[in-house]
Amino acid sequence: LAARIDAEDWFPTELWPEMGALGLHGITVAEEDGGLGLG
């Protein structure tokens, strides 16, 4: 999607839940608060 993101100045919001499912949004958040508890 990278070329289209740049050409159209487009933010693909559908990626956000997919990244969330991998735990990427909460890497530094404690596990008890729903994160991965990493650094």
All heavy atoms as atom14 arrays in JSON, in Angstrom:
{
  "sequence": "LAARIDAEDWFPTELWPEMGALGLHGITVAEEDGGLGLG",
  "atom14_mask": [
    [1, 1, 1, 1, 1, 1, 1, 1, 0, 0, 0, 0, 0, 0],
    [1, 1, 1, 1, 1, 0, 0, 0, 0, 0, 0, 0, 0, 0],
    [1, 1, 1, 1, 1, 0, 0, 0, 0, 0, 0, 0, 0, 0],
    [1, 1, 1, 1, 1, 1, 1, 1, 1, 1, 1, 0, 0, 0],
    [1, 1, 1, 1, 1, 1, 1, 1, 0, 0, 0, 0, 0, 0],
    [1, 1, 1, 1, 1, 1, 1, 1, 0, 0, 0, 0, 0, 0],
    [1, 1, 1, 1, 1, 0, 0, 0, 0, 0, 0, 0, 0, 0],
    [1, 1, 1, 1, 1, 1, 1, 1, 1, 0, 0, 0, 0, 0],
    [1, 1, 1, 1, 1, 1, 1, 1, 0, 0, 0, 0, 0, 0],
    [1, 1, 1, 1, 1, 1, 1, 1, 1, 1, 1, 1, 1, 1],
    [1, 1, 1, 1, 1, 1, 1, 1, 1, 1, 1, 0, 0, 0],
    [1, 1, 1, 1, 1, 1, 1, 0, 0, 0, 0, 0, 0, 0],
    [1, 1, 1, 1, 1, 1, 1, 0, 0, 0, 0, 0, 0, 0],
    [1, 1, 1, 1, 1, 1, 1, 1, 1, 0, 0, 0, 0, 0],
    [1, 1, 1, 1, 1, 1, 1, 1, 0, 0, 0, 0, 0, 0],
    [1, 1, 1, 1, 1, 1, 1, 1, 1, 1, 1, 1, 1, 1],
    [1, 1, 1, 1, 1, 1, 1, 0, 0, 0, 0, 0, 0, 0],
    [1, 1, 1, 1, 1, 1, 1, 1, 1, 0, 0, 0, 0, 0],
    [1, 1, 1, 1, 1, 1, 1, 1, 0, 0, 0, 0, 0, 0],
    [1, 1, 1, 1, 0, 0, 0, 0, 0, 0, 0, 0, 0, 0],
    [1, 1, 1, 1, 1, 0, 0, 0, 0, 0, 0, 0, 0, 0],
    [1, 1, 1, 1, 1, 1, 1, 1, 0, 0, 0, 0, 0, 0],
    [1, 1, 1, 1, 0, 0, 0, 0, 0, 0, 0, 0, 0, 0],
    [1, 1, 1, 1, 1, 1, 1, 1, 0, 0, 0, 0, 0, 0],
    [1, 1, 1, 1, 1, 1, 1, 1, 1, 1, 0, 0, 0, 0],
    [1, 1, 1, 1, 0, 0, 0, 0, 0, 0, 0, 0, 0, 0],
    [1, 1, 1, 1, 1, 1, 1, 1, 0, 0, 0, 0, 0, 0],
    [1, 1, 1, 1, 1, 1, 1, 0, 0, 0, 0, 0, 0, 0],
    [1, 1, 1, 1, 1, 1, 1, 0, 0, 0, 0, 0, 0, 0],
    [1, 1, 1, 1, 1, 0, 0, 0, 0, 0, 0, 0, 0, 0],
    [1, 1, 1, 1, 1, 1, 1, 1, 1, 0, 0, 0, 0, 0],
    [1, 1, 1, 1, 1, 1, 1, 1, 1, 0, 0, 0, 0, 0],
    [1, 1, 1, 1, 1, 1, 1, 1, 0, 0, 0, 0, 0, 0],
    [1, 1, 1, 1, 0, 0, 0, 0, 0, 0, 0, 0, 0, 0],
    [1, 1, 1, 1, 0, 0, 0, 0, 0, 0, 0, 0, 0, 0],
    [1, 1, 1, 1, 1, 1, 1, 1, 0, 0, 0, 0, 0, 0],
    [1, 1, 1, 1, 0, 0, 0, 0, 0, 0, 0, 0, 0, 0],
    [1, 1, 1, 1, 1, 1, 1, 1, 0, 0, 0, 0, 0, 0],
    [1, 1, 1, 1, 0, 0, 0, 0, 0, 0, 0, 0, 0, 0]
  ],
  "atom14_positions": [
    [[0.81, -1.22, 0.0], [0.0, 0.0, 0.0], [0.84, 1.27, 0.0], [0.31, 2.37, -0.16], [-0.91, 0.03, 1.23], [-1.87, -1.15, 1.44], [-2.62, -0.99, 2.76], [-2.85, -1.27, 0.28], [0.0, 0.0, 0.0], [0.0, 0.0, 0.0], [0.0, 0.0, 0.0], [0.0, 0.0, 0.0], [0.0, 0.0, 0.0], [0.0, 0.0, 0.0]],
    [[2.16, 1.14, 0.18], [3.01, 2.3, 0.48], [2.97, 3.35, -0.63], [2.9, 4.56, -0.35], [4.44, 1.85, 0.74], [0.0, 0.0, 0.0], [0.0, 0.0, 0.0], [0.0, 0.0, 0.0], [0.0, 0.0, 0.0], [0.0, 0.0, 0.0], [0.0, 0.0, 0.0], [0.0, 0.0, 0.0], [0.0, 0.0, 0.0], [0.0, 0.0, 0.0]],
    [[3.05, 2.93, -1.88], [3.06, 3.9, -2.98], [1.73, 4.64, -3.06], [1.7, 5.87, -3.28], [3.35, 3.19, -4.3], [0.0, 0.0, 0.0], [0.0, 0.0, 0.0], [0.0, 0.0, 0.0], [0.0, 0.0, 0.0], [0.0, 0.0, 0.0], [0.0, 0.0, 0.0], [0.0, 0.0, 0.0], [0.0, 0.0, 0.0], [0.0, 0.0, 0.0]],
    [[0.62, 3.94, -2.85], [-0.69, 4.58, -2.89], [-0.86, 5.53, -1.7], [-1.41, 6.63, -1.85], [-1.8, 3.52, -2.87], [-3.19, 4.13, -2.9], [-4.28, 3.1, -2.71], [-5.55, 3.76, -2.43], [-6.62, 3.13, -1.96], [-6.59, 1.82, -1.72], [-7.73, 3.8, -1.71], [0.0, 0.0, 0.0], [0.0, 0.0, 0.0], [0.0, 0.0, 0.0]],
    [[-0.4, 5.11, -0.54], [-0.47, 5.96, 0.65], [0.19, 7.3, 0.36], [-0.35, 8.37, 0.69], [0.22, 5.26, 1.84], [-0.65, 4.1, 2.34], [0.49, 6.25, 2.98], [0.07, 3.18, 3.31], [0.0, 0.0, 0.0], [0.0, 0.0, 0.0], [0.0, 0.0, 0.0], [0.0, 0.0, 0.0], [0.0, 0.0, 0.0], [0.0, 0.0, 0.0]],
    [[1.36, 7.27, -0.27], [2.09, 8.49, -0.6], [1.39, 9.28, -1.7], [1.19, 10.49, -1.57], [3.51, 8.13, -1.03], [4.32, 9.34, -1.45], [4.66, 10.16, -0.59], [4.6, 9.47, -2.67], [0.0, 0.0, 0.0], [0.0, 0.0, 0.0], [0.0, 0.0, 0.0], [0.0, 0.0, 0.0], [0.0, 0.0, 0.0], [0.0, 0.0, 0.0]],
    [[1.01, 8.62, -2.78], [0.45, 9.31, -3.94], [-0.88, 9.98, -3.62], [-1.16, 11.08, -4.09], [0.29, 8.34, -5.1], [0.0, 0.0, 0.0], [0.0, 0.0, 0.0], [0.0, 0.0, 0.0], [0.0, 0.0, 0.0], [0.0, 0.0, 0.0], [0.0, 0.0, 0.0], [0.0, 0.0, 0.0], [0.0, 0.0, 0.0], [0.0, 0.0, 0.0]],
    [[-1.69, 9.32, -2.83], [-3.05, 9.81, -2.55], [-3.15, 10.51, -1.19], [-4.24, 10.96, -0.84], [-4.05, 8.66, -2.62], [-4.11, 7.98, -3.99], [-5.1, 6.84, -4.03], [-5.89, 6.68, -3.05], [-5.1, 6.09, -5.02], [0.0, 0.0, 0.0], [0.0, 0.0, 0.0], [0.0, 0.0, 0.0], [0.0, 0.0, 0.0], [0.0, 0.0, 0.0]],
    [[-2.03, 10.58, -0.45], [-2.06, 11.15, 0.9], [-3.18, 10.49, 1.69], [-4.02, 11.15, 2.31], [-2.26, 12.67, 0.83], [-1.81, 13.36, 2.11], [-1.21, 12.7, 2.98], [-2.07, 14.58, 2.25], [0.0, 0.0, 0.0], [0.0, 0.0, 0.0], [0.0, 0.0, 0.0], [0.0, 0.0, 0.0], [0.0, 0.0, 0.0], [0.0, 0.0, 0.0]],
    [[-3.15, 9.16, 1.7], [-4.24, 8.32, 2.2], [-3.81, 7.57, 3.45], [-2.76, 6.93, 3.47], [-4.66, 7.34, 1.1], [-5.52, 6.19, 1.53], [-6.75, 6.26, 2.1], [-5.2, 4.79, 1.39], [-7.23, 4.99, 2.35], [-6.31, 4.07, 1.91], [-4.12, 4.08, 0.87], [-6.34, 2.68, 1.95], [-4.15, 2.7, 0.9], [-5.25, 2.0, 1.43]],
    [[-4.6, 7.67, 4.5], [-4.33, 6.96, 5.75], [-5.23, 5.73, 5.83], [-6.45, 5.85, 5.98], [-4.6, 7.87, 6.95], [-4.36, 7.22, 8.27], [-3.08, 6.88, 8.67], [-5.42, 6.95, 9.13], [-2.86, 6.29, 9.91], [-5.2, 6.35, 10.36], [-3.92, 6.02, 10.75], [0.0, 0.0, 0.0], [0.0, 0.0, 0.0], [0.0, 0.0, 0.0]],
    [[-4.66, 4.52, 5.69], [-5.47, 3.29, 5.68], [-5.84, 2.85, 7.1], [-5.13, 2.08, 7.75], [-4.55, 2.28, 5.0], [-3.17, 2.76, 5.31], [-3.24, 4.26, 5.45], [0.0, 0.0, 0.0], [0.0, 0.0, 0.0], [0.0, 0.0, 0.0], [0.0, 0.0, 0.0], [0.0, 0.0, 0.0], [0.0, 0.0, 0.0], [0.0, 0.0, 0.0]],
    [[-6.97, 3.33, 7.58], [-7.38, 3.06, 8.96], [-7.58, 1.57, 9.22], [-7.49, 1.13, 10.37], [-8.69, 3.8, 9.3], [-9.67, 3.51, 8.3], [-8.46, 5.31, 9.34], [0.0, 0.0, 0.0], [0.0, 0.0, 0.0], [0.0, 0.0, 0.0], [0.0, 0.0, 0.0], [0.0, 0.0, 0.0], [0.0, 0.0, 0.0], [0.0, 0.0, 0.0]],
    [[-7.82, 0.8, 8.16], [-8.06, -0.63, 8.36], [-6.83, -1.36, 8.89], [-6.93, -2.46, 9.44], [-8.52, -1.29, 7.05], [-7.5, -1.27, 5.91], [-7.69, -0.07, 4.98], [-8.21, 0.95, 5.45], [-7.31, -0.19, 3.8], [0.0, 0.0, 0.0], [0.0, 0.0, 0.0], [0.0, 0.0, 0.0], [0.0, 0.0, 0.0], [0.0, 0.0, 0.0]],
    [[-5.66, -0.75, 8.74], [-4.44, -1.38, 9.28], [-4.4, -1.34, 10.79], [-3.73, -2.18, 11.42], [-3.19, -0.68, 8.72], [-2.9, -0.84, 7.24], [-1.68, -0.01, 6.86], [-2.68, -2.31, 6.88], [0.0, 0.0, 0.0], [0.0, 0.0, 0.0], [0.0, 0.0, 0.0], [0.0, 0.0, 0.0], [0.0, 0.0, 0.0], [0.0, 0.0, 0.0]],
    [[-5.07, -0.36, 11.4], [-4.92, -0.14, 12.84], [-5.4, -1.33, 13.67], [-4.68, -1.79, 14.57], [-5.61, 1.17, 13.24], [-4.65, 2.17, 13.78], [-4.74, 2.82, 14.98], [-3.44, 2.65, 13.17], [-3.65, 3.66, 15.14], [-2.84, 3.57, 14.05], [-2.79, 2.37, 11.97], [-1.64, 4.21, 13.78], [-1.59, 3.0, 11.69], [-1.03, 3.91, 12.57]],
    [[-6.61, -1.87, 13.43], [-7.02, -3.06, 14.2], [-6.13, -4.27, 13.92], [-5.91, -5.1, 14.82], [-8.46, -3.31, 13.73], [-8.92, -2.0, 13.18], [-7.7, -1.37, 12.58], [0.0, 0.0, 0.0], [0.0, 0.0, 0.0], [0.0, 0.0, 0.0], [0.0, 0.0, 0.0], [0.0, 0.0, 0.0], [0.0, 0.0, 0.0], [0.0, 0.0, 0.0]],
    [[-5.61, -4.39, 12.71], [-4.73, -5.51, 12.39], [-3.43, -5.4, 13.19], [-2.92, -6.41, 13.7], [-4.43, -5.54, 10.89], [-5.64, -5.79, 10.02], [-5.3, -5.77, 8.54], [-4.22, -6.25, 8.17], [-6.11, -5.25, 7.75], [0.0, 0.0, 0.0], [0.0, 0.0, 0.0], [0.0, 0.0, 0.0], [0.0, 0.0, 0.0], [0.0, 0.0, 0.0]],
    [[-2.9, -4.19, 13.31], [-1.71, -3.98, 14.12], [-2.02, -4.19, 15.6], [-1.19, -4.72, 16.36], [-1.14, -2.59, 13.86], [-0.63, -2.41, 12.44], [-0.25, -0.7, 11.99], [1.27, -0.44, 12.9], [0.0, 0.0, 0.0], [0.0, 0.0, 0.0], [0.0, 0.0, 0.0], [0.0, 0.0, 0.0], [0.0, 0.0, 0.0], [0.0, 0.0, 0.0]],
    [[-3.23, -3.8, 15.99], [-3.64, -4.03, 17.37], [-3.71, -5.51, 17.7], [-3.33, -5.93, 18.81], [0.0, 0.0, 0.0], [0.0, 0.0, 0.0], [0.0, 0.0, 0.0], [0.0, 0.0, 0.0], [0.0, 0.0, 0.0], [0.0, 0.0, 0.0], [0.0, 0.0, 0.0], [0.0, 0.0, 0.0], [0.0, 0.0, 0.0], [0.0, 0.0, 0.0]],
    [[-4.19, -6.31, 16.77], [-4.3, -7.75, 17.0], [-2.93, -8.39, 17.22], [-2.82, -9.43, 17.9], [-5.02, -8.41, 15.82], [0.0, 0.0, 0.0], [0.0, 0.0, 0.0], [0.0, 0.0, 0.0], [0.0, 0.0, 0.0], [0.0, 0.0, 0.0], [0.0, 0.0, 0.0], [0.0, 0.0, 0.0], [0.0, 0.0, 0.0], [0.0, 0.0, 0.0]],
    [[-1.89, -7.79, 16.66], [-0.52, -8.28, 16.85], [0.1, -7.75, 18.14], [1.22, -8.15, 18.49], [0.35, -7.88, 15.66], [0.02, -8.49, 14.31], [0.91, -7.9, 13.22], [0.14, -10.01, 14.35], [0.0, 0.0, 0.0], [0.0, 0.0, 0.0], [0.0, 0.0, 0.0], [0.0, 0.0, 0.0], [0.0, 0.0, 0.0], [0.0, 0.0, 0.0]],
    [[-0.58, -6.84, 18.81], [-0.06, -6.27, 20.05], [0.84, -5.08, 19.85], [1.44, -4.59, 20.82], [0.0, 0.0, 0.0], [0.0, 0.0, 0.0], [0.0, 0.0, 0.0], [0.0, 0.0, 0.0], [0.0, 0.0, 0.0], [0.0, 0.0, 0.0], [0.0, 0.0, 0.0], [0.0, 0.0, 0.0], [0.0, 0.0, 0.0], [0.0, 0.0, 0.0]],
    [[0.94, -4.56, 18.63], [1.92, -3.52, 18.34], [1.59, -2.17, 18.98], [2.49, -1.38, 19.24], [2.04, -3.33, 16.82], [2.58, -4.54, 16.04], [2.66, -4.22, 14.56], [3.95, -4.95, 16.57], [0.0, 0.0, 0.0], [0.0, 0.0, 0.0], [0.0, 0.0, 0.0], [0.0, 0.0, 0.0], [0.0, 0.0, 0.0], [0.0, 0.0, 0.0]],
    [[0.32, -1.91, 19.25], [-0.04, -0.61, 19.81], [0.23, -0.52, 21.32], [0.29, 0.59, 21.85], [-1.52, -0.32, 19.56], [-1.89, -0.21, 18.13], [-1.14, 0.5, 17.22], [-2.95, -0.72, 17.41], [-1.71, 0.42, 16.02], [-2.79, -0.31, 16.13], [0.0, 0.0, 0.0], [0.0, 0.0, 0.0], [0.0, 0.0, 0.0], [0.0, 0.0, 0.0]],
    [[0.36, -1.65, 21.97], [0.53, -1.63, 23.42], [1.81, -2.29, 23.89], [1.86, -2.88, 24.97], [0.0, 0.0, 0.0], [0.0, 0.0, 0.0], [0.0, 0.0, 0.0], [0.0, 0.0, 0.0], [0.0, 0.0, 0.0], [0.0, 0.0, 0.0], [0.0, 0.0, 0.0], [0.0, 0.0, 0.0], [0.0, 0.0, 0.0], [0.0, 0.0, 0.0]],
    [[2.87, -2.16, 23.1], [4.13, -2.83, 23.44], [4.63, -2.44, 24.82], [5.06, -3.29, 25.61], [5.2, -2.55, 22.36], [4.85, -3.3, 21.06], [6.6, -2.95, 22.84], [5.8, -3.05, 19.91], [0.0, 0.0, 0.0], [0.0, 0.0, 0.0], [0.0, 0.0, 0.0], [0.0, 0.0, 0.0], [0.0, 0.0, 0.0], [0.0, 0.0, 0.0]],
    [[4.56, -1.15, 25.15], [5.11, -0.69, 26.43], [4.06, -0.62, 27.54], [4.38, -0.2, 28.66], [5.75, 0.72, 26.27], [4.75, 1.63, 25.79], [6.92, 0.69, 25.31], [0.0, 0.0, 0.0], [0.0, 0.0, 0.0], [0.0, 0.0, 0.0], [0.0, 0.0, 0.0], [0.0, 0.0, 0.0], [0.0, 0.0, 0.0], [0.0, 0.0, 0.0]],
    [[2.85, -1.06, 27.27], [1.78, -1.03, 28.28], [1.8, -2.33, 29.08], [1.99, -3.41, 28.53], [0.4, -0.83, 27.6], [-0.73, -0.87, 28.62], [0.38, 0.48, 26.82], [0.0, 0.0, 0.0], [0.0, 0.0, 0.0], [0.0, 0.0, 0.0], [0.0, 0.0, 0.0], [0.0, 0.0, 0.0], [0.0, 0.0, 0.0], [0.0, 0.0, 0.0]],
    [[1.6, -2.21, 30.38], [1.6, -3.38, 31.26], [0.54, -4.39, 30.83], [-0.52, -4.02, 30.31], [1.36, -2.95, 32.7], [0.0, 0.0, 0.0], [0.0, 0.0, 0.0], [0.0, 0.0, 0.0], [0.0, 0.0, 0.0], [0.0, 0.0, 0.0], [0.0, 0.0, 0.0], [0.0, 0.0, 0.0], [0.0, 0.0, 0.0], [0.0, 0.0, 0.0]],
    [[0.82, -5.66, 31.09], [-0.12, -6.71, 30.69], [-1.47, -6.54, 31.38], [-2.52, -6.81, 30.78], [0.48, -8.08, 31.01], [1.68, -8.44, 30.14], [2.21, -9.83, 30.43], [1.43, -10.8, 30.23], [3.37, -9.94, 30.84], [0.0, 0.0, 0.0], [0.0, 0.0, 0.0], [0.0, 0.0, 0.0], [0.0, 0.0, 0.0], [0.0, 0.0, 0.0]],
    [[-1.47, -6.1, 32.63], [-2.75, -5.93, 33.34], [-3.61, -4.83, 32.73], [-4.82, -4.78, 32.96], [-2.52, -5.65, 34.83], [-1.65, -4.46, 35.14], [-0.2, -4.84, 35.39], [0.28, -5.82, 34.75], [0.46, -4.16, 36.2], [0.0, 0.0, 0.0], [0.0, 0.0, 0.0], [0.0, 0.0, 0.0], [0.0, 0.0, 0.0], [0.0, 0.0, 0.0]],
    [[-2.99, -3.95, 31.94], [-3.74, -2.9, 31.24], [-3.97, -3.26, 29.77], [-4.39, -2.41, 28.99], [-2.99, -1.57, 31.34], [-2.99, -1.0, 32.75], [-4.03, -1.13, 33.42], [-1.96, -0.45, 33.17], [0.0, 0.0, 0.0], [0.0, 0.0, 0.0], [0.0, 0.0, 0.0], [0.0, 0.0, 0.0], [0.0, 0.0, 0.0], [0.0, 0.0, 0.0]],
    [[-3.68, -4.49, 29.4], [-3.97, -4.96, 28.06], [-2.83, -4.92, 27.08], [-3.02, -5.23, 25.89], [0.0, 0.0, 0.0], [0.0, 0.0, 0.0], [0.0, 0.0, 0.0], [0.0, 0.0, 0.0], [0.0, 0.0, 0.0], [0.0, 0.0, 0.0], [0.0, 0.0, 0.0], [0.0, 0.0, 0.0], [0.0, 0.0, 0.0], [0.0, 0.0, 0.0]],
    [[-1.63, -4.54, 27.54], [-0.48, -4.46, 26.64], [0.41, -5.68, 26.69], [0.05, -6.71, 27.29], [0.0, 0.0, 0.0], [0.0, 0.0, 0.0], [0.0, 0.0, 0.0], [0.0, 0.0, 0.0], [0.0, 0.0, 0.0], [0.0, 0.0, 0.0], [0.0, 0.0, 0.0], [0.0, 0.0, 0.0], [0.0, 0.0, 0.0], [0.0, 0.0, 0.0]],
    [[1.58, -5.57, 26.07], [2.52, -6.68, 26.04], [3.51, -6.63, 27.2], [4.21, -7.62, 27.45], [3.31, -6.68, 24.71], [2.5, -6.89, 23.43], [3.44, -6.95, 22.23], [1.67, -8.16, 23.51], [0.0, 0.0, 0.0], [0.0, 0.0, 0.0], [0.0, 0.0, 0.0], [0.0, 0.0, 0.0], [0.0, 0.0, 0.0], [0.0, 0.0, 0.0]],
    [[3.59, -5.5, 27.88], [4.49, -5.4, 29.03], [5.96, -5.45, 28.66], [6.79, -5.89, 29.46], [0.0, 0.0, 0.0], [0.0, 0.0, 0.0], [0.0, 0.0, 0.0], [0.0, 0.0, 0.0], [0.0, 0.0, 0.0], [0.0, 0.0, 0.0], [0.0, 0.0, 0.0], [0.0, 0.0, 0.0], [0.0, 0.0, 0.0], [0.0, 0.0, 0.0]],
    [[6.29, -4.98, 27.47], [7.68, -4.98, 27.01], [8.27, -3.58, 27.11], [7.69, -2.7, 27.73], [7.75, -5.52, 25.58], [7.21, -6.94, 25.39], [7.2, -7.34, 23.93], [8.02, -7.94, 26.22], [0.0, 0.0, 0.0], [0.0, 0.0, 0.0], [0.0, 0.0, 0.0], [0.0, 0.0, 0.0], [0.0, 0.0, 0.0], [0.0, 0.0, 0.0]],
    [[9.43, -3.36, 26.48], [10.13, -2.11, 26.68], [10.29, -1.29, 25.42], [9.78, -1.62, 24.34], [0.0, 0.0, 0.0], [0.0, 0.0, 0.0], [0.0, 0.0, 0.0], [0.0, 0.0, 0.0], [0.0, 0.0, 0.0], [0.0, 0.0, 0.0], [0.0, 0.0, 0.0], [0.0, 0.0, 0.0], [0.0, 0.0, 0.0], [0.0, 0.0, 0.0]]
  ]
}
